[in-house]
Amino acid sequence: MRWVLSLGVVAFLTIAIFAVQNSEEITIHFLFWQLPSFPLVLVILGAAATGMLAAWLFGLSRRFKLYGDIKEMNRYIETLRAELVQYRKKEENEGNKNV
């Protein structure tokens, strides 16, 4: 877990340095929309933040799926435990009849 945090810090610093070194003004065009004189540093940092948010959301959905799988497996384990108790009782009863 520590190496993930370290990697994140290195990535953040790299993006921040890159963004600061590219601080000129640009014009953003999207479909019929235009935003003139917008700092490139904000575009770079905004794109990086959007990518991190998207990665976090995908990870979150995966985590919820895994939690569901764990709950399902725990229910299955409980079913198997109940079956084991029944088999042990049955084995005890058969052992007592033979004595």
PDB file of N, CA and C in Angstrom:
ATOM      1  N   MET A   1       0.821  -1.188   0.000  1.00  0.00           N
ATOM      2  CA  MET A   1       0.000   0.000   0.000  1.00  0.00           C
ATOM      3  C   MET A   1       0.871   1.260   0.000  1.00  0.00           C
ATOM      4  N   ARG A   2       2.027   1.178   0.646  1.00  0.00           N
ATOM      5  CA  ARG A   2       2.911   2.326   0.685  1.00  0.00           C
ATOM      6  C   ARG A   2       3.453   2.686  -0.685  1.00  0.00           C
ATOM      7  N   TRP A   3       3.740   1.673  -1.488  1.00  0.00           N
ATOM      8  CA  TRP A   3       4.297   1.956  -2.808  1.00  0.00           C
ATOM      9  C   TRP A   3       3.255   2.598  -3.703  1.00  0.00           C
ATOM     10  N   VAL A   4       1.973   2.294  -3.488  1.00  0.00           N
ATOM     11  CA  VAL A   4       0.911   2.924  -4.276  1.00  0.00           C
ATOM     12  C   VAL A   4       0.847   4.412  -3.930  1.00  0.00           C
ATOM     13  N   LEU A   5       0.931   4.718  -2.649  1.00  0.00           N
ATOM     14  CA  LEU A   5       0.917   6.116  -2.225  1.00  0.00           C
ATOM     15  C   LEU A   5       2.139   6.853  -2.772  1.00  0.00           C
ATOM     16  N   SER A   6       3.298   6.207  -2.697  1.00  0.00           N
ATOM     17  CA  SER A   6       4.526   6.816  -3.230  1.00  0.00           C
ATOM     18  C   SER A   6       4.401   7.065  -4.731  1.00  0.00           C
ATOM     19  N   LEU A   7       3.867   6.098  -5.447  1.00  0.00           N
ATOM     20  CA  LEU A   7       3.662   6.246  -6.890  1.00  0.00           C
ATOM     21  C   LEU A   7       2.691   7.388  -7.184  1.00  0.00           C
ATOM     22  N   GLY A   8       1.646   7.494  -6.389  1.00  0.00           N
ATOM     23  CA  GLY A   8       0.687   8.589  -6.554  1.00  0.00           C
ATOM     24  C   GLY A   8       1.315   9.949  -6.329  1.00  0.00           C
ATOM     25  N   VAL A   9       2.162  10.054  -5.311  1.00  0.00           N
ATOM     26  CA  VAL A   9       2.838  11.322  -5.023  1.00  0.00           C
ATOM     27  C   VAL A   9       3.779  11.690  -6.168  1.00  0.00           C
ATOM     28  N   VAL A  10       4.535  10.713  -6.668  1.00  0.00           N
ATOM     29  CA  VAL A  10       5.449  10.964  -7.791  1.00  0.00           C
ATOM     30  C   VAL A  10       4.663  11.403  -9.024  1.00  0.00           C
ATOM     31  N   ALA A  11       3.550  10.712  -9.305  1.00  0.00           N
ATOM     32  CA  ALA A  11       2.726  11.074 -10.461  1.00  0.00           C
ATOM     33  C   ALA A  11       2.164  12.483 -10.299  1.00  0.00           C
ATOM     34  N   PHE A  12       1.687  12.811  -9.106  1.00  0.00           N
ATOM     35  CA  PHE A  12       1.146  14.148  -8.856  1.00  0.00           C
ATOM     36  C   PHE A  12       2.211  15.222  -9.051  1.00  0.00           C
ATOM     37  N   LEU A  13       3.396  14.988  -8.504  1.00  0.00           N
ATOM     38  CA  LEU A  13       4.472  15.970  -8.656  1.00  0.00           C
ATOM     39  C   LEU A  13       4.880  16.137 -10.116  1.00  0.00           C
ATOM     40  N   THR A  14       4.941  15.021 -10.846  1.00  0.00           N
ATOM     41  CA  THR A  14       5.293  15.088 -12.263  1.00  0.00           C
ATOM     42  C   THR A  14       4.262  15.901 -13.039  1.00  0.00           C
ATOM     43  N   ILE A  15       2.988  15.642 -12.792  1.00  0.00           N
ATOM     44  CA  ILE A  15       1.921  16.386 -13.481  1.00  0.00           C
ATOM     45  C   ILE A  15       1.957  17.860 -13.088  1.00  0.00           C
ATOM     46  N   ALA A  16       2.182  18.136 -11.803  1.00  0.00           N
ATOM     47  CA  ALA A  16       2.220  19.528 -11.341  1.00  0.00           C
ATOM     48  C   ALA A  16       3.378  20.287 -11.987  1.00  0.00           C
ATOM     49  N   ILE A  17       4.556  19.672 -12.034  1.00  0.00           N
ATOM     50  CA  ILE A  17       5.716  20.324 -12.661  1.00  0.00           C
ATOM     51  C   ILE A  17       5.453  20.560 -14.144  1.00  0.00           C
ATOM     52  N   PHE A  18       4.911  19.545 -14.823  1.00  0.00           N
ATOM     53  CA  PHE A  18       4.594  19.682 -16.249  1.00  0.00           C
ATOM     54  C   PHE A  18       3.583  20.802 -16.467  1.00  0.00           C
ATOM     55  N   ALA A  19       2.572  20.863 -15.623  1.00  0.00           N
ATOM     56  CA  ALA A  19       1.532  21.879 -15.777  1.00  0.00           C
ATOM     57  C   ALA A  19       2.086  23.284 -15.557  1.00  0.00           C
ATOM     58  N   VAL A  20       2.907  23.452 -14.540  1.00  0.00           N
ATOM     59  CA  VAL A  20       3.451  24.771 -14.242  1.00  0.00           C
ATOM     60  C   VAL A  20       4.379  25.248 -15.364  1.00  0.00           C
ATOM     61  N   GLN A  21       5.125  24.332 -15.974  1.00  0.00           N
ATOM     62  CA  GLN A  21       6.031  24.705 -17.054  1.00  0.00           C
ATOM     63  C   GLN A  21       5.281  25.032 -18.347  1.00  0.00           C
ATOM     64  N   ASN A  22       4.026  24.643 -18.440  1.00  0.00           N
ATOM     65  CA  ASN A  22       3.195  24.926 -19.619  1.00  0.00           C
ATOM     66  C   ASN A  22       2.044  25.833 -19.199  1.00  0.00           C
ATOM     67  N   SER A  23       2.372  27.060 -18.898  1.00  0.00           N
ATOM     68  CA  SER A  23       1.366  27.956 -18.313  1.00  0.00           C
ATOM     69  C   SER A  23       0.828  29.003 -19.289  1.00  0.00           C
ATOM     70  N   GLU A  24       1.065  28.840 -20.571  1.00  0.00           N
ATOM     71  CA  GLU A  24       0.575  29.847 -21.518  1.00  0.00           C
ATOM     72  C   GLU A  24      -0.953  29.757 -21.665  1.00  0.00           C
ATOM     73  N   GLU A  25      -1.499  30.793 -22.251  1.00  0.00           N
ATOM     74  CA  GLU A  25      -2.944  30.876 -22.472  1.00  0.00           C
ATOM     75  C   GLU A  25      -3.303  30.151 -23.774  1.00  0.00           C
ATOM     76  N   ILE A  26      -4.407  29.432 -23.764  1.00  0.00           N
ATOM     77  CA  ILE A  26      -4.884  28.725 -24.955  1.00  0.00           C
ATOM     78  C   ILE A  26      -6.366  28.996 -25.143  1.00  0.00           C
ATOM     79  N   THR A  27      -6.863  28.663 -26.320  1.00  0.00           N
ATOM     80  CA  THR A  27      -8.291  28.737 -26.599  1.00  0.00           C
ATOM     81  C   THR A  27      -8.817  27.312 -26.692  1.00  0.00           C
ATOM     82  N   ILE A  28      -9.877  27.028 -25.954  1.00  0.00           N
ATOM     83  CA  ILE A  28     -10.471  25.689 -25.947  1.00  0.00           C
ATOM     84  C   ILE A  28     -11.692  25.695 -26.855  1.00  0.00           C
ATOM     85  N   HIS A  29     -11.741  24.729 -27.778  1.00  0.00           N
ATOM     86  CA  HIS A  29     -12.882  24.555 -28.678  1.00  0.00           C
ATOM     87  C   HIS A  29     -13.509  23.199 -28.401  1.00  0.00           C
ATOM     88  N   PHE A  30     -14.829  23.188 -28.211  1.00  0.00           N
ATOM     89  CA  PHE A  30     -15.562  21.930 -28.044  1.00  0.00           C
ATOM     90  C   PHE A  30     -16.919  22.095 -28.695  1.00  0.00           C
ATOM     91  N   LEU A  31     -17.131  21.314 -29.774  1.00  0.00           N
ATOM     92  CA  LEU A  31     -18.350  21.395 -30.587  1.00  0.00           C
ATOM     93  C   LEU A  31     -18.569  22.846 -30.998  1.00  0.00           C
ATOM     94  N   PHE A  32     -19.658  23.484 -30.534  1.00  0.00           N
ATOM     95  CA  PHE A  32     -19.946  24.863 -30.908  1.00  0.00           C
ATOM     96  C   PHE A  32     -19.563  25.832 -29.799  1.00  0.00           C
ATOM     97  N   TRP A  33     -18.872  25.341 -28.821  1.00  0.00           N
ATOM     98  CA  TRP A  33     -18.513  26.121 -27.648  1.00  0.00           C
ATOM     99  C   TRP A  33     -17.044  26.514 -27.731  1.00  0.00           C
ATOM    100  N   GLN A  34     -16.725  27.713 -27.280  1.00  0.00           N
ATOM    101  CA  GLN A  34     -15.341  28.186 -27.327  1.00  0.00           C
ATOM    102  C   GLN A  34     -15.037  28.962 -26.049  1.00  0.00           C
ATOM    103  N   LEU A  35     -13.881  28.659 -25.440  1.00  0.00           N
ATOM    104  CA  LEU A  35     -13.456  29.354 -24.241  1.00  0.00           C
ATOM    105  C   LEU A  35     -12.090  29.973 -24.524  1.00  0.00           C
ATOM    106  N   PRO A  36     -12.048  31.268 -24.838  1.00  0.00           N
ATOM    107  CA  PRO A  36     -10.773  31.903 -25.183  1.00  0.00           C
ATOM    108  C   PRO A  36      -9.947  32.239 -23.944  1.00  0.00           C
ATOM    109  N   SER A  37      -8.651  32.331 -24.147  1.00  0.00           N
ATOM    110  CA  SER A  37      -7.702  32.753 -23.108  1.00  0.00           C
ATOM    111  C   SER A  37      -7.866  31.964 -21.805  1.00  0.00           C
ATOM    112  N   PHE A  38      -7.690  30.669 -21.909  1.00  0.00           N
ATOM    113  CA  PHE A  38      -7.782  29.801 -20.735  1.00  0.00           C
ATOM    114  C   PHE A  38      -6.390  29.262 -20.435  1.00  0.00           C
ATOM    115  N   PRO A  39      -5.951  29.302 -19.180  1.00  0.00           N
ATOM    116  CA  PRO A  39      -4.596  28.838 -18.850  1.00  0.00           C
ATOM    117  C   PRO A  39      -4.434  27.332 -19.109  1.00  0.00           C
ATOM    118  N   LEU A  40      -3.368  26.963 -19.808  1.00  0.00           N
ATOM    119  CA  LEU A  40      -3.087  25.562 -20.112  1.00  0.00           C
ATOM    120  C   LEU A  40      -2.867  24.748 -18.841  1.00  0.00           C
ATOM    121  N   VAL A  41      -2.308  25.379 -17.812  1.00  0.00           N
ATOM    122  CA  VAL A  41      -2.074  24.680 -16.549  1.00  0.00           C
ATOM    123  C   VAL A  41      -3.389  24.147 -15.976  1.00  0.00           C
ATOM    124  N   LEU A  42      -4.467  24.909 -16.099  1.00  0.00           N
ATOM    125  CA  LEU A  42      -5.762  24.450 -15.598  1.00  0.00           C
ATOM    126  C   LEU A  42      -6.321  23.316 -16.443  1.00  0.00           C
ATOM    127  N   VAL A  43      -6.080  23.351 -17.736  1.00  0.00           N
ATOM    128  CA  VAL A  43      -6.524  22.266 -18.615  1.00  0.00           C
ATOM    129  C   VAL A  43      -5.799  20.974 -18.244  1.00  0.00           C
ATOM    130  N   ILE A  44      -4.488  21.060 -18.053  1.00  0.00           N
ATOM    131  CA  ILE A  44      -3.696  19.874 -17.709  1.00  0.00           C
ATOM    132  C   ILE A  44      -4.124  19.319 -16.361  1.00  0.00           C
ATOM    133  N   LEU A  45      -4.221  20.179 -15.342  1.00  0.00           N
ATOM    134  CA  LEU A  45      -4.618  19.718 -14.016  1.00  0.00           C
ATOM    135  C   LEU A  45      -6.059  19.207 -13.998  1.00  0.00           C
ATOM    136  N   GLY A  46      -6.931  19.856 -14.768  1.00  0.00           N
ATOM    137  CA  GLY A  46      -8.321  19.394 -14.852  1.00  0.00           C
ATOM    138  C   GLY A  46      -8.429  18.030 -15.513  1.00  0.00           C
ATOM    139  N   ALA A  47      -7.651  17.819 -16.574  1.00  0.00           N
ATOM    140  CA  ALA A  47      -7.656  16.514 -17.237  1.00  0.00           C
ATOM    141  C   ALA A  47      -7.106  15.423 -16.316  1.00  0.00           C
ATOM    142  N   ALA A  48      -6.049  15.755 -15.571  1.00  0.00           N
ATOM    143  CA  ALA A  48      -5.475  14.780 -14.635  1.00  0.00           C
ATOM    144  C   ALA A  48      -6.473  14.462 -13.525  1.00  0.00           C
ATOM    145  N   ALA A  49      -7.137  15.476 -12.993  1.00  0.00           N
ATOM    146  CA  ALA A  49      -8.119  15.259 -11.929  1.00  0.00           C
ATOM    147  C   ALA A  49      -9.305  14.443 -12.435  1.00  0.00           C
ATOM    148  N   THR A  50      -9.741  14.715 -13.665  1.00  0.00           N
ATOM    149  CA  THR A  50     -10.847  13.950 -14.246  1.00  0.00           C
ATOM    150  C   THR A  50     -10.446  12.493 -14.430  1.00  0.00           C
ATOM    151  N   GLY A  51      -9.231  12.245 -14.869  1.00  0.00           N
ATOM    152  CA  GLY A  51      -8.743  10.875 -15.023  1.00  0.00           C
ATOM    153  C   GLY A  51      -8.659  10.154 -13.692  1.00  0.00           C
ATOM    154  N   MET A  52      -8.190  10.853 -12.657  1.00  0.00           N
ATOM    155  CA  MET A  52      -8.117  10.233 -11.333  1.00  0.00           C
ATOM    156  C   MET A  52      -9.511   9.917 -10.797  1.00  0.00           C
ATOM    157  N   LEU A  53     -10.457  10.819 -11.023  1.00  0.00           N
ATOM    158  CA  LEU A  53     -11.831  10.596 -10.576  1.00  0.00           C
ATOM    159  C   LEU A  53     -12.440   9.395 -11.300  1.00  0.00           C
ATOM    160  N   ALA A  54     -12.210   9.313 -12.602  1.00  0.00           N
ATOM    161  CA  ALA A  54     -12.744   8.180 -13.368  1.00  0.00           C
ATOM    162  C   ALA A  54     -12.137   6.864 -12.885  1.00  0.00           C
ATOM    163  N   ALA A  55     -10.836   6.841 -12.638  1.00  0.00           N
ATOM    164  CA  ALA A  55     -10.179   5.631 -12.139  1.00  0.00           C
ATOM    165  C   ALA A  55     -10.725   5.252 -10.770  1.00  0.00           C
ATOM    166  N   TRP A  56     -10.947   6.236  -9.913  1.00  0.00           N
ATOM    167  CA  TRP A  56     -11.488   5.970  -8.580  1.00  0.00           C
ATOM    168  C   TRP A  56     -12.904   5.403  -8.674  1.00  0.00           C
ATOM    169  N   LEU A  57     -13.721   5.961  -9.565  1.00  0.00           N
ATOM    170  CA  LEU A  57     -15.095   5.465  -9.721  1.00  0.00           C
ATOM    171  C   LEU A  57     -15.115   4.037 -10.252  1.00  0.00           C
ATOM    172  N   PHE A  58     -14.252   3.716 -11.218  1.00  0.00           N
ATOM    173  CA  PHE A  58     -14.175   2.344 -11.709  1.00  0.00           C
ATOM    174  C   PHE A  58     -13.715   1.402 -10.598  1.00  0.00           C
ATOM    175  N   GLY A  59     -12.758   1.844  -9.799  1.00  0.00           N
ATOM    176  CA  GLY A  59     -12.295   1.037  -8.677  1.00  0.00           C
ATOM    177  C   GLY A  59     -13.376   0.843  -7.632  1.00  0.00           C
ATOM    178  N   LEU A  60     -14.179   1.882  -7.421  1.00  0.00           N
ATOM    179  CA  LEU A  60     -15.262   1.805  -6.457  1.00  0.00           C
ATOM    180  C   LEU A  60     -16.312   0.797  -6.898  1.00  0.00           C
ATOM    181  N   SER A  61     -16.652   0.791  -8.181  1.00  0.00           N
ATOM    182  CA  SER A  61     -17.635  -0.176  -8.664  1.00  0.00           C
ATOM    183  C   SER A  61     -17.094  -1.598  -8.532  1.00  0.00           C
ATOM    184  N   ARG A  62     -15.818  -1.775  -8.791  1.00  0.00           N
ATOM    185  CA  ARG A  62     -15.181  -3.098  -8.623  1.00  0.00           C
ATOM    186  C   ARG A  62     -15.213  -3.524  -7.160  1.00  0.00           C
ATOM    187  N   ARG A  63     -14.966  -2.570  -6.270  1.00  0.00           N
ATOM    188  CA  ARG A  63     -14.979  -2.870  -4.841  1.00  0.00           C
ATOM    189  C   ARG A  63     -16.373  -3.309  -4.390  1.00  0.00           C
ATOM    190  N   PHE A  64     -17.422  -2.611  -4.850  1.00  0.00           N
ATOM    191  CA  PHE A  64     -18.782  -3.001  -4.487  1.00  0.00           C
ATOM    192  C   PHE A  64     -19.108  -4.398  -5.000  1.00  0.00           C
ATOM    193  N   LYS A  65     -18.645  -4.723  -6.200  1.00  0.00           N
ATOM    194  CA  LYS A  65     -18.873  -6.061  -6.737  1.00  0.00           C
ATOM    195  C   LYS A  65     -18.171  -7.101  -5.871  1.00  0.00           C
ATOM    196  N   LEU A  66     -16.956  -6.816  -5.455  1.00  0.00           N
ATOM    197  CA  LEU A  66     -16.221  -7.748  -4.603  1.00  0.00           C
ATOM    198  C   LEU A  66     -16.891  -7.912  -3.242  1.00  0.00           C
ATOM    199  N   TYR A  67     -17.426  -6.817  -2.689  1.00  0.00           N
ATOM    200  CA  TYR A  67     -18.160  -6.936  -1.426  1.00  0.00           C
ATOM    201  C   TYR A  67     -19.366  -7.851  -1.589  1.00  0.00           C
ATOM    202  N   GLY A  68     -20.075  -7.724  -2.711  1.00  0.00           N
ATOM    203  CA  GLY A  68     -21.204  -8.602  -2.980  1.00  0.00           C
ATOM    204  C   GLY A  68     -20.772 -10.054  -3.093  1.00  0.00           C
ATOM    205  N   ASP A  69     -19.643 -10.290  -3.773  1.00  0.00           N
ATOM    206  CA  ASP A  69     -19.114 -11.654  -3.898  1.00  0.00           C
ATOM    207  C   ASP A  69     -18.739 -12.225  -2.534  1.00  0.00           C
ATOM    208  N   ILE A  70     -18.159 -11.395  -1.683  1.00  0.00           N
ATOM    209  CA  ILE A  70     -17.781 -11.850  -0.341  1.00  0.00           C
ATOM    210  C   ILE A  70     -19.017 -12.226   0.460  1.00  0.00           C
ATOM    211  N   LYS A  71     -20.061 -11.410   0.393  1.00  0.00           N
ATOM    212  CA  LYS A  71     -21.303 -11.735   1.101  1.00  0.00           C
ATOM    213  C   LYS A  71     -21.884 -13.053   0.605  1.00  0.00           C
ATOM    214  N   GLU A  72     -21.875 -13.242  -0.711  1.00  0.00           N
ATOM    215  CA  GLU A  72     -22.388 -14.485  -1.284  1.00  0.00           C
ATOM    216  C   GLU A  72     -21.566 -15.683  -0.805  1.00  0.00           C
ATOM    217  N   MET A  73     -20.263 -15.557  -0.792  1.00  0.00           N
ATOM    218  CA  MET A  73     -19.398 -16.651  -0.326  1.00  0.00           C
ATOM    219  C   MET A  73     -19.615 -16.934   1.166  1.00  0.00           C
ATOM    220  N   ASN A  74     -19.818 -15.890   1.952  1.00  0.00           N
ATOM    221  CA  ASN A  74     -20.080 -16.095   3.381  1.00  0.00           C
ATOM    222  C   ASN A  74     -21.399 -16.833   3.599  1.00  0.00           C
ATOM    223  N   ARG A  75     -22.413 -16.516   2.803  1.00  0.00           N
ATOM    224  CA  ARG A  75     -23.684 -17.251   2.901  1.00  0.00           C
ATOM    225  C   ARG A  75     -23.475 -18.720   2.531  1.00  0.00           C
ATOM    226  N   TYR A  76     -22.676 -18.968   1.505  1.00  0.00           N
ATOM    227  CA  TYR A  76     -22.392 -20.334   1.086  1.00  0.00           C
ATOM    228  C   TYR A  76     -21.620 -21.084   2.175  1.00  0.00           C
ATOM    229  N   ILE A  77     -20.689 -20.413   2.824  1.00  0.00           N
ATOM    230  CA  ILE A  77     -19.928 -21.021   3.922  1.00  0.00           C
ATOM    231  C   ILE A  77     -20.871 -21.399   5.057  1.00  0.00           C
ATOM    232  N   GLU A  78     -21.799 -20.520   5.384  1.00  0.00           N
ATOM    233  CA  GLU A  78     -22.757 -20.825   6.449  1.00  0.00           C
ATOM    234  C   GLU A  78     -23.618 -22.028   6.078  1.00  0.00           C
ATOM    235  N   THR A  79     -24.016 -22.124   4.817  1.00  0.00           N
ATOM    236  CA  THR A  79     -24.783 -23.284   4.359  1.00  0.00           C
ATOM    237  C   THR A  79     -23.962 -24.562   4.521  1.00  0.00           C
ATOM    238  N   LEU A  80     -22.716 -24.510   4.142  1.00  0.00           N
ATOM    239  CA  LEU A  80     -21.850 -25.683   4.278  1.00  0.00           C
ATOM    240  C   LEU A  80     -21.628 -26.047   5.742  1.00  0.00           C
ATOM    241  N   ARG A  81     -21.494 -25.054   6.596  1.00  0.00           N
ATOM    242  CA  ARG A  81     -21.339 -25.327   8.030  1.00  0.00           C
ATOM    243  C   ARG A  81     -22.577 -26.012   8.593  1.00  0.00           C
ATOM    244  N   ALA A  82     -23.744 -25.535   8.173  1.00  0.00           N
ATOM    245  CA  ALA A  82     -24.991 -26.161   8.642  1.00  0.00           C
ATOM    246  C   ALA A  82     -25.066 -27.608   8.160  1.00  0.00           C
ATOM    247  N   GLU A  83     -24.676 -27.857   6.916  1.00  0.00           N
ATOM    248  CA  GLU A  83     -24.653 -29.233   6.396  1.00  0.00           C
ATOM    249  C   GLU A  83     -23.682 -30.092   7.185  1.00  0.00           C
ATOM    250  N   LEU A  84     -22.527 -29.547   7.523  1.00  0.00           N
ATOM    251  CA  LEU A  84     -21.533 -30.290   8.287  1.00  0.00           C
ATOM    252  C   LEU A  84     -22.074 -30.676   9.661  1.00  0.00           C
ATOM    253  N   VAL A  85     -22.770 -29.744  10.303  1.00  0.00           N
ATOM    254  CA  VAL A  85     -23.376 -30.042  11.603  1.00  0.00           C
ATOM    255  C   VAL A  85     -24.383 -31.180  11.463  1.00  0.00           C
ATOM    256  N   GLN A  86     -25.191 -31.148  10.398  1.00  0.00           N
ATOM    257  CA  GLN A  86     -26.178 -32.216  10.172  1.00  0.00           C
ATOM    258  C   GLN A  86     -25.484 -33.549   9.956  1.00  0.00           C
ATOM    259  N   TYR A  87     -24.439 -33.583   9.176  1.00  0.00           N
ATOM    260  CA  TYR A  87     -23.721 -34.836   8.922  1.00  0.00           C
ATOM    261  C   TYR A  87     -23.074 -35.376  10.194  1.00  0.00           C
ATOM    262  N   ARG A  88     -22.529 -34.481  11.012  1.00  0.00           N
ATOM    263  CA  ARG A  88     -21.916 -34.923  12.266  1.00  0.00           C
ATOM    264  C   ARG A  88     -22.964 -35.496  13.214  1.00  0.00           C
ATOM    265  N   LYS A  89     -24.146 -34.848  13.292  1.00  0.00           N
ATOM    266  CA  LYS A  89     -25.220 -35.375  14.128  1.00  0.00           C
ATOM    267  C   LYS A  89     -25.676 -36.732  13.626  1.00  0.00           C
ATOM    268  N   LYS A  90     -25.804 -36.854  12.322  1.00  0.00           N
ATOM    269  CA  LYS A  90     -26.219 -38.120  11.724  1.00  0.00           C
ATOM    270  C   LYS A  90     -25.184 -39.199  12.027  1.00  0.00           C
ATOM    271  N   GLU A  91     -23.906 -38.840  11.935  1.00  0.00           N
ATOM    272  CA  GLU A  91     -22.827 -39.788  12.218  1.00  0.00           C
ATOM    273  C   GLU A  91     -22.839 -40.204  13.683  1.00  0.00           C
ATOM    274  N   GLU A  92     -23.108 -39.253  14.579  1.00  0.00           N
ATOM    275  CA  GLU A  92     -23.198 -39.566  16.009  1.00  0.00           C
ATOM    276  C   GLU A  92     -24.352 -40.533  16.279  1.00  0.00           C
ATOM    277  N   ASN A  93     -25.499 -40.259  15.665  1.00  0.00           N
ATOM    278  CA  ASN A  93     -26.679 -41.104  15.869  1.00  0.00           C
ATOM    279  C   ASN A  93     -26.417 -42.509  15.349  1.00  0.00           C
ATOM    280  N   GLU A  94     -25.765 -42.639  14.216  1.00  0.00           N
ATOM    281  CA  GLU A  94     -25.449 -43.958  13.677  1.00  0.00           C
ATOM    282  C   GLU A  94     -24.431 -44.663  14.548  1.00  0.00           C
ATOM    283  N   GLY A  95     -23.497 -43.930  15.133  1.00  0.00           N
ATOM    284  CA  GLY A  95     -22.498 -44.523  16.023  1.00  0.00           C
ATOM    285  C   GLY A  95     -23.125 -45.015  17.315  1.00  0.00           C
ATOM    286  N   ASN A  96     -24.103 -44.284  17.826  1.00  0.00           N
ATOM    287  CA  ASN A  96     -24.794 -44.691  19.065  1.00  0.00           C
ATOM    288  C   ASN A  96     -25.662 -45.906  18.826  1.00  0.00           C
ATOM    289  N   LYS A  97     -26.231 -46.075  17.635  1.00  0.00           N
ATOM    290  CA  LYS A  97     -27.072 -47.241  17.336  1.00  0.00           C
ATOM    291  C   LYS A  97     -26.232 -48.498  17.243  1.00  0.00           C
ATOM    292  N   ASN A  98     -25.004 -48.389  16.794  1.00  0.00           N
ATOM    293  CA  ASN A  98     -24.138 -49.557  16.628  1.00  0.00           C
ATOM    294  C   ASN A  98     -23.595 -50.048  17.961  1.00  0.00           C
ATOM    295  N   VAL A  99     -23.608 -49.246  19.003  1.00  0.00           N
ATOM    296  CA  VAL A  99     -23.037 -49.644  20.300  1.00  0.00           C
ATOM    297  C   VAL A  99     -23.973 -50.462  21.097  1.00  0.00           C
TER     298      VAL A  99
END
